Amino acid sequence: MTGHRALHILSSQRRLGRCRFCSRPRVPLQWVTVMVSTSLPDYAPDWAFFLDVDGTLIEIADHPDAVNPTPRMKAIITHLRLTTDGAVALVSGRAIAELDNLFMPLIGLPAAGLHGLERRDAEGRIHLEALTESPLNEAKHELREFTKLNPGILLEDKGTTVALHYRNAPSLESAAQATMREVLYRLGDDFELKSGKMVVELKPSGRHKGHAVEEFMDESPFRGRTPVFIGDDITDEDGFLVVNRMHGCSIRVGETNYSAAQYCIPDVEAVLNWLEHYHSHHWR
């Protein structure tokens, strides 16, 4: 079928939830084939945008601190906010404070950080889950010792979450995943693992990016609009599922065999071009 390709998604994913040890959907697994469009939806004036950051708006780097948020990208976000009356939110695994640094001089963008554990609404109010870092302190010490013994593995301490990056040591993926599973087992059901591109993250359970989208959509200026979620990783799948349920548009960046997204787009450059054209289309 021209303009479409077959992807497989879990029909049981939403009903059964995800395994806290590996972030994959729980069994029983029932795969169904859906047709995902390789072309993008026609522009609509009532869209609200929910945008992942790394791998979507910014190219992924070897180190989280080494990313390059370009002036062009920031200009596109500024224009997009004008076009949508402010209905643009960042939805990221990074902390909101870190997003603020990356997107300077843009101040106070609506944003969900740490996969939805923290959220800033359009009025600038911060919404936080009632969490404590103390259960993770011992785990962080153990993970630091693991990184000392395994050069190339990077520990990223985000406060209420902690991640192991193995992009610079891909042969250590199995070791990193196994170590995180061992830590998770000792921490118990209050925590879960999120796997991404060359990274595995330990976080408090019960919150994900989709929850943040739902909350934004109940607030101005997002309320009454059609949600569009763009992301590139497994951690964005919850957002895709929520947006699909709201009859919005879900767009996966890059090739993948398994996704709930309705559309796909090749890379960061294509995302920026598409968003830029949306603004131009609106002001014709």
C-alpha atoms as a PDB file:
ATOM      1  CA  MET A   1       0.000   0.000   0.000  1.00  0.00           C
ATOM      2  CA  THR A   2       1.545   3.254  -1.099  1.00  0.00           C
ATOM      3  CA  GLY A   3       2.368   5.595   1.747  1.00  0.00           C
ATOM      4  CA  HIS A   4       1.905   2.960   4.415  1.00  0.00           C
ATOM      5  CA  ARG A   5       3.915   0.179   6.024  1.00  0.00           C
ATOM      6  CA  ALA A   6       3.033  -2.666   8.332  1.00  0.00           C
ATOM      7  CA  LEU A   7       3.938  -2.365  11.999  1.00  0.00           C
ATOM      8  CA  HIS A   8       3.132  -4.672  14.869  1.00  0.00           C
ATOM      9  CA  ILE A   9       1.680  -3.431  18.135  1.00  0.00           C
ATOM     10  CA  LEU A  10       0.517  -5.172  21.271  1.00  0.00           C
ATOM     11  CA  SER A  11      -3.250  -5.367  21.391  1.00  0.00           C
ATOM     12  CA  SER A  12      -2.967  -6.165  25.110  1.00  0.00           C
ATOM     13  CA  GLN A  13      -0.574  -3.295  25.918  1.00  0.00           C
ATOM     14  CA  ARG A  14      -3.029  -0.784  27.343  1.00  0.00           C
ATOM     15  CA  ARG A  15      -5.063  -3.343  29.269  1.00  0.00           C
ATOM     16  CA  LEU A  16      -2.218  -5.208  30.911  1.00  0.00           C
ATOM     17  CA  GLY A  17       0.324  -2.452  31.517  1.00  0.00           C
ATOM     18  CA  ARG A  18       4.083  -2.896  31.446  1.00  0.00           C
ATOM     19  CA  CYS A  19       6.511  -5.153  33.232  1.00  0.00           C
ATOM     20  CA  ARG A  20       8.381  -3.053  35.795  1.00  0.00           C
ATOM     21  CA  PHE A  21      11.593  -5.022  35.204  1.00  0.00           C
ATOM     22  CA  CYS A  22      12.043  -4.333  31.510  1.00  0.00           C
ATOM     23  CA  SER A  23       9.425  -1.693  30.535  1.00  0.00           C
ATOM     24  CA  ARG A  24       7.960  -4.163  28.050  1.00  0.00           C
ATOM     25  CA  PRO A  25       4.230  -4.980  28.056  1.00  0.00           C
ATOM     26  CA  ARG A  26       3.195  -7.825  30.330  1.00  0.00           C
ATOM     27  CA  VAL A  27       2.109 -11.176  28.978  1.00  0.00           C
ATOM     28  CA  PRO A  28      -0.023 -12.510  27.431  1.00  0.00           C
ATOM     29  CA  LEU A  29       1.331 -10.984  24.243  1.00  0.00           C
ATOM     30  CA  GLN A  30      -1.013 -10.727  21.289  1.00  0.00           C
ATOM     31  CA  TRP A  31       0.568  -9.059  18.276  1.00  0.00           C
ATOM     32  CA  VAL A  32      -1.636  -7.413  15.698  1.00  0.00           C
ATOM     33  CA  THR A  33      -0.572  -5.838  12.416  1.00  0.00           C
ATOM     34  CA  VAL A  34      -1.568  -2.250  11.666  1.00  0.00           C
ATOM     35  CA  MET A  35      -0.785   0.020   8.751  1.00  0.00           C
ATOM     36  CA  VAL A  36       1.289   3.056   9.708  1.00  0.00           C
ATOM     37  CA  SER A  37       1.457   5.918   7.248  1.00  0.00           C
ATOM     38  CA  THR A  38       4.861   6.917   5.922  1.00  0.00           C
ATOM     39  CA  SER A  39       3.284  10.196   4.782  1.00  0.00           C
ATOM     40  CA  LEU A  40       2.253  12.778   7.370  1.00  0.00           C
ATOM     41  CA  PRO A  41      -1.217  14.080   8.225  1.00  0.00           C
ATOM     42  CA  ASP A  42      -2.659  17.144   6.553  1.00  0.00           C
ATOM     43  CA  TYR A  43      -2.121  20.252   8.641  1.00  0.00           C
ATOM     44  CA  ALA A  44      -5.032  21.334  10.871  1.00  0.00           C
ATOM     45  CA  PRO A  45      -5.411  24.721  12.587  1.00  0.00           C
ATOM     46  CA  ASP A  46      -6.556  23.295  15.951  1.00  0.00           C
ATOM     47  CA  TRP A  47      -3.475  21.218  16.762  1.00  0.00           C
ATOM     48  CA  ALA A  48      -1.706  21.172  20.116  1.00  0.00           C
ATOM     49  CA  PHE A  49       1.888  19.930  19.992  1.00  0.00           C
ATOM     50  CA  PHE A  50       3.594  17.625  22.491  1.00  0.00           C
ATOM     51  CA  LEU A  51       7.243  17.246  21.586  1.00  0.00           C
ATOM     52  CA  ASP A  52       9.918  14.919  22.864  1.00  0.00           C
ATOM     53  CA  VAL A  53      13.355  16.557  22.860  1.00  0.00           C
ATOM     54  CA  ASP A  54      16.367  14.243  22.401  1.00  0.00           C
ATOM     55  CA  GLY A  55      16.090  12.443  19.073  1.00  0.00           C
ATOM     56  CA  THR A  56      13.085  14.555  18.061  1.00  0.00           C
ATOM     57  CA  LEU A  57      14.034  18.254  18.267  1.00  0.00           C
ATOM     58  CA  ILE A  58      17.742  17.731  19.029  1.00  0.00           C
ATOM     59  CA  GLU A  59      20.155  15.131  17.686  1.00  0.00           C
ATOM     60  CA  ILE A  60      21.211  12.552  20.264  1.00  0.00           C
ATOM     61  CA  ALA A  61      24.813  12.936  21.430  1.00  0.00           C
ATOM     62  CA  ASP A  62      27.314  10.587  23.065  1.00  0.00           C
ATOM     63  CA  HIS A  63      26.782  12.431  26.368  1.00  0.00           C
ATOM     64  CA  PRO A  64      23.525  14.097  27.497  1.00  0.00           C
ATOM     65  CA  ASP A  65      25.429  17.344  28.118  1.00  0.00           C
ATOM     66  CA  ALA A  66      26.873  17.359  24.602  1.00  0.00           C
ATOM     67  CA  VAL A  67      23.642  17.959  22.677  1.00  0.00           C
ATOM     68  CA  ASN A  68      23.349  21.001  20.424  1.00  0.00           C
ATOM     69  CA  PRO A  69      20.009  22.862  20.616  1.00  0.00           C
ATOM     70  CA  THR A  70      20.252  24.992  17.476  1.00  0.00           C
ATOM     71  CA  PRO A  71      18.997  28.578  17.102  1.00  0.00           C
ATOM     72  CA  ARG A  72      16.847  27.363  14.208  1.00  0.00           C
ATOM     73  CA  MET A  73      15.091  24.816  16.436  1.00  0.00           C
ATOM     74  CA  LYS A  74      14.377  27.467  19.063  1.00  0.00           C
ATOM     75  CA  ALA A  75      13.007  29.821  16.401  1.00  0.00           C
ATOM     76  CA  ILE A  76      10.692  27.064  15.142  1.00  0.00           C
ATOM     77  CA  ILE A  77       9.345  26.482  18.667  1.00  0.00           C
ATOM     78  CA  THR A  78       8.792  30.238  19.081  1.00  0.00           C
ATOM     79  CA  HIS A  79       6.861  30.451  15.805  1.00  0.00           C
ATOM     80  CA  LEU A  80       4.904  27.288  16.624  1.00  0.00           C
ATOM     81  CA  ARG A  81       3.766  28.796  19.917  1.00  0.00           C
ATOM     82  CA  LEU A  82       2.552  31.903  18.109  1.00  0.00           C
ATOM     83  CA  THR A  83       0.713  29.779  15.557  1.00  0.00           C
ATOM     84  CA  THR A  84      -1.060  27.674  18.198  1.00  0.00           C
ATOM     85  CA  ASP A  85      -1.713  30.393  20.812  1.00  0.00           C
ATOM     86  CA  GLY A  86       0.825  28.724  23.075  1.00  0.00           C
ATOM     87  CA  ALA A  87      -0.351  25.109  22.740  1.00  0.00           C
ATOM     88  CA  VAL A  88       3.151  23.628  22.589  1.00  0.00           C
ATOM     89  CA  ALA A  89       4.679  21.503  25.364  1.00  0.00           C
ATOM     90  CA  LEU A  90       7.979  19.700  25.752  1.00  0.00           C
ATOM     91  CA  VAL A  91       7.592  16.126  27.041  1.00  0.00           C
ATOM     92  CA  SER A  92      10.977  14.709  27.960  1.00  0.00           C
ATOM     93  CA  GLY A  93      12.953  12.341  30.132  1.00  0.00           C
ATOM     94  CA  ARG A  94      15.128  15.300  31.132  1.00  0.00           C
ATOM     95  CA  ALA A  95      14.311  17.381  34.206  1.00  0.00           C
ATOM     96  CA  ILE A  96      12.455  20.650  33.609  1.00  0.00           C
ATOM     97  CA  ALA A  97      15.413  22.655  34.946  1.00  0.00           C
ATOM     98  CA  GLU A  98      17.630  20.995  32.375  1.00  0.00           C
ATOM     99  CA  LEU A  99      15.133  21.732  29.595  1.00  0.00           C
ATOM    100  CA  ASP A 100      15.144  25.402  30.617  1.00  0.00           C
ATOM    101  CA  ASN A 101      18.909  25.504  30.196  1.00  0.00           C
ATOM    102  CA  LEU A 102      18.744  23.838  26.790  1.00  0.00           C
ATOM    103  CA  PHE A 103      15.994  26.103  25.449  1.00  0.00           C
ATOM    104  CA  MET A 104      17.327  29.454  26.695  1.00  0.00           C
ATOM    105  CA  PRO A 105      16.357  32.199  26.018  1.00  0.00           C
ATOM    106  CA  LEU A 106      12.859  30.687  25.804  1.00  0.00           C
ATOM    107  CA  ILE A 107      11.501  30.981  29.331  1.00  0.00           C
ATOM    108  CA  GLY A 108       8.748  29.017  31.054  1.00  0.00           C
ATOM    109  CA  LEU A 109       7.710  26.706  28.228  1.00  0.00           C
ATOM    110  CA  PRO A 110       4.986  24.258  29.232  1.00  0.00           C
ATOM    111  CA  ALA A 111       6.935  21.093  29.924  1.00  0.00           C
ATOM    112  CA  ALA A 112       6.788  17.625  31.419  1.00  0.00           C
ATOM    113  CA  GLY A 113      10.085  16.333  32.770  1.00  0.00           C
ATOM    114  CA  LEU A 114      11.381  12.993  34.028  1.00  0.00           C
ATOM    115  CA  HIS A 115       8.822  11.102  31.923  1.00  0.00           C
ATOM    116  CA  GLY A 116       5.910  12.951  33.538  1.00  0.00           C
ATOM    117  CA  LEU A 117       7.069  12.934  37.176  1.00  0.00           C
ATOM    118  CA  GLU A 118       7.189  16.735  37.057  1.00  0.00           C
ATOM    119  CA  ARG A 119       5.135  19.142  34.963  1.00  0.00           C
ATOM    120  CA  ARG A 120       4.942  22.899  34.388  1.00  0.00           C
ATOM    121  CA  ASP A 121       1.640  24.144  33.015  1.00  0.00           C
ATOM    122  CA  ALA A 122       1.104  27.136  30.738  1.00  0.00           C
ATOM    123  CA  GLU A 123       0.639  29.417  33.774  1.00  0.00           C
ATOM    124  CA  GLY A 124       4.053  28.451  35.085  1.00  0.00           C
ATOM    125  CA  ARG A 125       2.760  26.320  37.961  1.00  0.00           C
ATOM    126  CA  ILE A 126       4.886  23.301  38.825  1.00  0.00           C
ATOM    127  CA  HIS A 127       3.176  19.980  39.525  1.00  0.00           C
ATOM    128  CA  LEU A 128       5.310  17.342  41.239  1.00  0.00           C
ATOM    129  CA  GLU A 129       4.705  13.795  42.335  1.00  0.00           C
ATOM    130  CA  ALA A 130       5.160  13.315  46.084  1.00  0.00           C
ATOM    131  CA  LEU A 131       8.468  11.467  45.885  1.00  0.00           C
ATOM    132  CA  THR A 132      11.584  11.016  47.953  1.00  0.00           C
ATOM    133  CA  GLU A 133      15.084  10.393  46.691  1.00  0.00           C
ATOM    134  CA  SER A 134      16.153   8.355  49.732  1.00  0.00           C
ATOM    135  CA  PRO A 135      15.249   4.882  48.377  1.00  0.00           C
ATOM    136  CA  LEU A 136      17.519   5.567  45.411  1.00  0.00           C
ATOM    137  CA  ASN A 137      20.567   6.727  47.363  1.00  0.00           C
ATOM    138  CA  GLU A 138      21.952   3.248  48.010  1.00  0.00           C
ATOM    139  CA  ALA A 139      21.087   2.223  44.459  1.00  0.00           C
ATOM    140  CA  LYS A 140      22.980   5.210  43.073  1.00  0.00           C
ATOM    141  CA  HIS A 141      26.052   4.244  45.080  1.00  0.00           C
ATOM    142  CA  GLU A 142      25.905   0.716  43.691  1.00  0.00           C
ATOM    143  CA  LEU A 143      25.493   2.005  40.145  1.00  0.00           C
ATOM    144  CA  ARG A 144      28.445   4.377  40.519  1.00  0.00           C
ATOM    145  CA  GLU A 145      30.587   1.399  41.529  1.00  0.00           C
ATOM    146  CA  PHE A 146      29.318  -0.449  38.453  1.00  0.00           C
ATOM    147  CA  THR A 147      30.374   2.412  36.161  1.00  0.00           C
ATOM    148  CA  LYS A 148      33.859   2.493  37.734  1.00  0.00           C
ATOM    149  CA  LEU A 149      34.285  -1.181  36.847  1.00  0.00           C
ATOM    150  CA  ASN A 150      32.856  -0.753  33.330  1.00  0.00           C
ATOM    151  CA  PRO A 151      34.501   2.109  31.396  1.00  0.00           C
ATOM    152  CA  GLY A 152      32.215   3.632  28.811  1.00  0.00           C
ATOM    153  CA  ILE A 153      29.064   3.305  30.916  1.00  0.00           C
ATOM    154  CA  LEU A 154      27.700   6.714  31.972  1.00  0.00           C
ATOM    155  CA  LEU A 155      25.615   7.232  35.102  1.00  0.00           C
ATOM    156  CA  GLU A 156      23.090  10.081  34.841  1.00  0.00           C
ATOM    157  CA  ASP A 157      21.682  11.106  38.212  1.00  0.00           C
ATOM    158  CA  LYS A 158      18.450  13.083  37.746  1.00  0.00           C
ATOM    159  CA  GLY A 159      17.514  13.191  41.411  1.00  0.00           C
ATOM    160  CA  THR A 160      14.314  11.151  41.520  1.00  0.00           C
ATOM    161  CA  THR A 161      15.460   8.942  38.633  1.00  0.00           C
ATOM    162  CA  VAL A 162      18.812   7.472  37.592  1.00  0.00           C
ATOM    163  CA  ALA A 163      19.951   6.172  34.208  1.00  0.00           C
ATOM    164  CA  LEU A 164      22.774   4.083  32.788  1.00  0.00           C
ATOM    165  CA  HIS A 165      23.862   5.089  29.271  1.00  0.00           C
ATOM    166  CA  TYR A 166      25.838   2.524  27.267  1.00  0.00           C
ATOM    167  CA  ARG A 167      26.036   4.337  23.940  1.00  0.00           C
ATOM    168  CA  ASN A 168      29.831   4.488  24.275  1.00  0.00           C
ATOM    169  CA  ALA A 169      30.037   0.841  25.343  1.00  0.00           C
ATOM    170  CA  PRO A 170      27.345  -1.060  23.412  1.00  0.00           C
ATOM    171  CA  SER A 171      28.909  -4.420  24.268  1.00  0.00           C
ATOM    172  CA  LEU A 172      27.952  -3.761  27.907  1.00  0.00           C
ATOM    173  CA  GLU A 173      24.221  -3.458  27.219  1.00  0.00           C
ATOM    174  CA  SER A 174      23.400  -6.829  28.780  1.00  0.00           C
ATOM    175  CA  ALA A 175      25.481  -6.063  31.868  1.00  0.00           C
ATOM    176  CA  ALA A 176      23.849  -2.654  32.309  1.00  0.00           C
ATOM    177  CA  GLN A 177      20.351  -4.070  31.924  1.00  0.00           C
ATOM    178  CA  ALA A 178      21.071  -6.950  34.316  1.00  0.00           C
ATOM    179  CA  THR A 179      22.515  -4.624  36.955  1.00  0.00           C
ATOM    180  CA  MET A 180      19.470  -2.359  36.777  1.00  0.00           C
ATOM    181  CA  ARG A 181      17.130  -5.344  37.101  1.00  0.00           C
ATOM    182  CA  GLU A 182      18.978  -6.476  40.229  1.00  0.00           C
ATOM    183  CA  VAL A 183      18.682  -3.003  41.751  1.00  0.00           C
ATOM    184  CA  LEU A 184      15.005  -2.826  40.828  1.00  0.00           C
ATOM    185  CA  TYR A 185      14.319  -6.195  42.453  1.00  0.00           C
ATOM    186  CA  ARG A 186      15.622  -4.901  45.775  1.00  0.00           C
ATOM    187  CA  LEU A 187      13.723  -1.611  45.545  1.00  0.00           C
ATOM    188  CA  GLY A 188      10.358  -3.281  44.973  1.00  0.00           C
ATOM    189  CA  ASP A 189       7.133  -2.307  43.234  1.00  0.00           C
ATOM    190  CA  ASP A 190       7.475   1.435  43.844  1.00  0.00           C
ATOM    191  CA  PHE A 191      10.012   1.601  40.997  1.00  0.00           C
ATOM    192  CA  GLU A 192      10.213   0.479  37.383  1.00  0.00           C
ATOM    193  CA  LEU A 193      12.647   0.420  34.468  1.00  0.00           C
ATOM    194  CA  LYS A 194      12.344   2.455  31.283  1.00  0.00           C
ATOM    195  CA  SER A 195      14.481   1.327  28.361  1.00  0.00           C
ATOM    196  CA  GLY A 196      15.423   3.729  25.584  1.00  0.00           C
ATOM    197  CA  LYS A 197      18.031   4.202  22.887  1.00  0.00           C
ATOM    198  CA  MET A 198      21.238   2.862  24.466  1.00  0.00           C
ATOM    199  CA  VAL A 199      19.963   3.720  27.948  1.00  0.00           C
ATOM    200  CA  VAL A 200      18.062   2.090  30.796  1.00  0.00           C
ATOM    201  CA  GLU A 201      16.490   4.244  33.490  1.00  0.00           C
ATOM    202  CA  LEU A 202      15.235   3.500  36.997  1.00  0.00           C
ATOM    203  CA  LYS A 203      12.279   5.654  38.009  1.00  0.00           C
ATOM    204  CA  PRO A 204       9.339   5.709  40.413  1.00  0.00           C
ATOM    205  CA  SER A 205       6.465   3.708  38.969  1.00  0.00           C
ATOM    206  CA  GLY A 206       2.990   4.923  38.110  1.00  0.00           C
ATOM    207  CA  ARG A 207       3.707   7.954  35.897  1.00  0.00           C
ATOM    208  CA  HIS A 208       4.554   8.273  32.208  1.00  0.00           C
ATOM    209  CA  LYS A 209       4.463  10.802  29.386  1.00  0.00           C
ATOM    210  CA  GLY A 210       0.890   9.936  28.487  1.00  0.00           C
ATOM    211  CA  HIS A 211      -0.338  11.104  31.884  1.00  0.00           C
ATOM    212  CA  ALA A 212       1.287  14.496  31.298  1.00  0.00           C
ATOM    213  CA  VAL A 213      -0.429  14.825  27.907  1.00  0.00           C
ATOM    214  CA  GLU A 214      -3.814  14.056  29.492  1.00  0.00           C
ATOM    215  CA  GLU A 215      -3.283  16.734  32.133  1.00  0.00           C
ATOM    216  CA  PHE A 216      -2.178  19.356  29.606  1.00  0.00           C
ATOM    217  CA  MET A 217      -5.237  18.611  27.467  1.00  0.00           C
ATOM    218  CA  ASP A 218      -7.502  19.481  30.405  1.00  0.00           C
ATOM    219  CA  GLU A 219      -5.939  22.951  30.631  1.00  0.00           C
ATOM    220  CA  SER A 220      -5.760  26.120  28.551  1.00  0.00           C
ATOM    221  CA  PRO A 221      -4.414  26.646  25.886  1.00  0.00           C
ATOM    222  CA  PHE A 222      -4.488  22.922  25.000  1.00  0.00           C
ATOM    223  CA  ARG A 223      -8.118  22.224  25.914  1.00  0.00           C
ATOM    224  CA  GLY A 224     -10.382  21.733  22.897  1.00  0.00           C
ATOM    225  CA  ARG A 225      -7.500  21.193  20.491  1.00  0.00           C
ATOM    226  CA  THR A 226      -6.342  18.028  18.722  1.00  0.00           C
ATOM    227  CA  PRO A 227      -3.146  16.617  20.261  1.00  0.00           C
ATOM    228  CA  VAL A 228      -0.101  15.840  18.115  1.00  0.00           C
ATOM    229  CA  PHE A 229       2.661  13.865  19.838  1.00  0.00           C
ATOM    230  CA  ILE A 230       6.091  13.442  18.223  1.00  0.00           C
ATOM    231  CA  GLY A 231       8.744  11.183  19.751  1.00  0.00           C
ATOM    232  CA  ASP A 232      11.520   8.816  18.809  1.00  0.00           C
ATOM    233  CA  ASP A 233      11.830   6.232  21.568  1.00  0.00           C
ATOM    234  CA  ILE A 234      10.127   3.490  23.552  1.00  0.00           C
ATOM    235  CA  THR A 235       9.455   5.964  26.342  1.00  0.00           C
ATOM    236  CA  ASP A 236       7.201   7.904  23.952  1.00  0.00           C
ATOM    237  CA  GLU A 237       4.872   4.974  23.280  1.00  0.00           C
ATOM    238  CA  ASP A 238       2.657   5.854  26.271  1.00  0.00           C
ATOM    239  CA  GLY A 239       2.175   9.293  24.765  1.00  0.00           C
ATOM    240  CA  PHE A 240       1.271   7.775  21.402  1.00  0.00           C
ATOM    241  CA  LEU A 241      -1.362   5.546  22.997  1.00  0.00           C
ATOM    242  CA  VAL A 242      -2.987   8.446  24.856  1.00  0.00           C
ATOM    243  CA  VAL A 243      -3.037  10.686  21.784  1.00  0.00           C
ATOM    244  CA  ASN A 244      -4.502   7.878  19.664  1.00  0.00           C
ATOM    245  CA  ARG A 245      -7.297   7.457  22.194  1.00  0.00           C
ATOM    246  CA  MET A 246      -7.986  11.204  21.915  1.00  0.00           C
ATOM    247  CA  HIS A 247      -8.214  10.867  18.114  1.00  0.00           C
ATOM    248  CA  GLY A 248      -5.062  12.917  17.689  1.00  0.00           C
ATOM    249  CA  CYS A 249      -1.923  12.334  15.616  1.00  0.00           C
ATOM    250  CA  SER A 250       1.014  10.246  16.877  1.00  0.00           C
ATOM    251  CA  ILE A 251       4.301  10.448  14.954  1.00  0.00           C
ATOM    252  CA  ARG A 252       7.353   8.246  15.521  1.00  0.00           C
ATOM    253  CA  VAL A 253      10.761   9.601  14.516  1.00  0.00           C
ATOM    254  CA  GLY A 254      12.976   7.039  12.799  1.00  0.00           C
ATOM    255  CA  GLU A 255      12.454   3.460  11.669  1.00  0.00           C
ATOM    256  CA  THR A 256      11.030   0.881  14.052  1.00  0.00           C
ATOM    257  CA  ASN A 257       9.203  -2.412  13.708  1.00  0.00           C
ATOM    258  CA  TYR A 258       7.034  -1.921  16.766  1.00  0.00           C
ATOM    259  CA  SER A 259       5.139   1.247  17.613  1.00  0.00           C
ATOM    260  CA  ALA A 260       1.681   2.535  18.462  1.00  0.00           C
ATOM    261  CA  ALA A 261       2.348   5.661  16.358  1.00  0.00           C
ATOM    262  CA  GLN A 262       0.087   6.298  13.383  1.00  0.00           C
ATOM    263  CA  TYR A 263       2.745   8.052  11.319  1.00  0.00           C
ATOM    264  CA  CYS A 264       6.513   8.001  10.967  1.00  0.00           C
ATOM    265  CA  ILE A 265       9.055  10.633   9.970  1.00  0.00           C
ATOM    266  CA  PRO A 266      12.718   9.919   9.175  1.00  0.00           C
ATOM    267  CA  ASP A 267      14.813  12.062  11.501  1.00  0.00           C
ATOM    268  CA  VAL A 268      15.274  15.288  13.481  1.00  0.00           C
ATOM    269  CA  GLU A 269      15.838  17.371  10.355  1.00  0.00           C
ATOM    270  CA  ALA A 270      12.566  16.121   8.867  1.00  0.00           C
ATOM    271  CA  VAL A 271      10.734  16.963  12.109  1.00  0.00           C
ATOM    272  CA  LEU A 272      12.064  20.524  12.092  1.00  0.00           C
ATOM    273  CA  ASN A 273      11.190  20.976   8.423  1.00  0.00           C
ATOM    274  CA  TRP A 274       7.656  19.699   9.005  1.00  0.00           C
ATOM    275  CA  LEU A 275       7.068  21.963  12.015  1.00  0.00           C
ATOM    276  CA  GLU A 276       8.500  24.920  10.106  1.00  0.00           C
ATOM    277  CA  HIS A 277       6.133  24.264   7.219  1.00  0.00           C
ATOM    278  CA  TYR A 278       3.180  24.070   9.631  1.00  0.00           C
ATOM    279  CA  HIS A 279       3.842  27.638  10.740  1.00  0.00           C
ATOM    280  CA  SER A 280       4.249  28.801   7.130  1.00  0.00           C
ATOM    281  CA  HIS A 281       1.059  26.987   6.107  1.00  0.00           C
ATOM    282  CA  HIS A 282      -0.914  28.615   8.902  1.00  0.00           C
ATOM    283  CA  TRP A 283       0.122  32.141   7.902  1.00  0.00           C
ATOM    284  CA  ARG A 284      -0.554  31.847   4.184  1.00  0.00           C
END
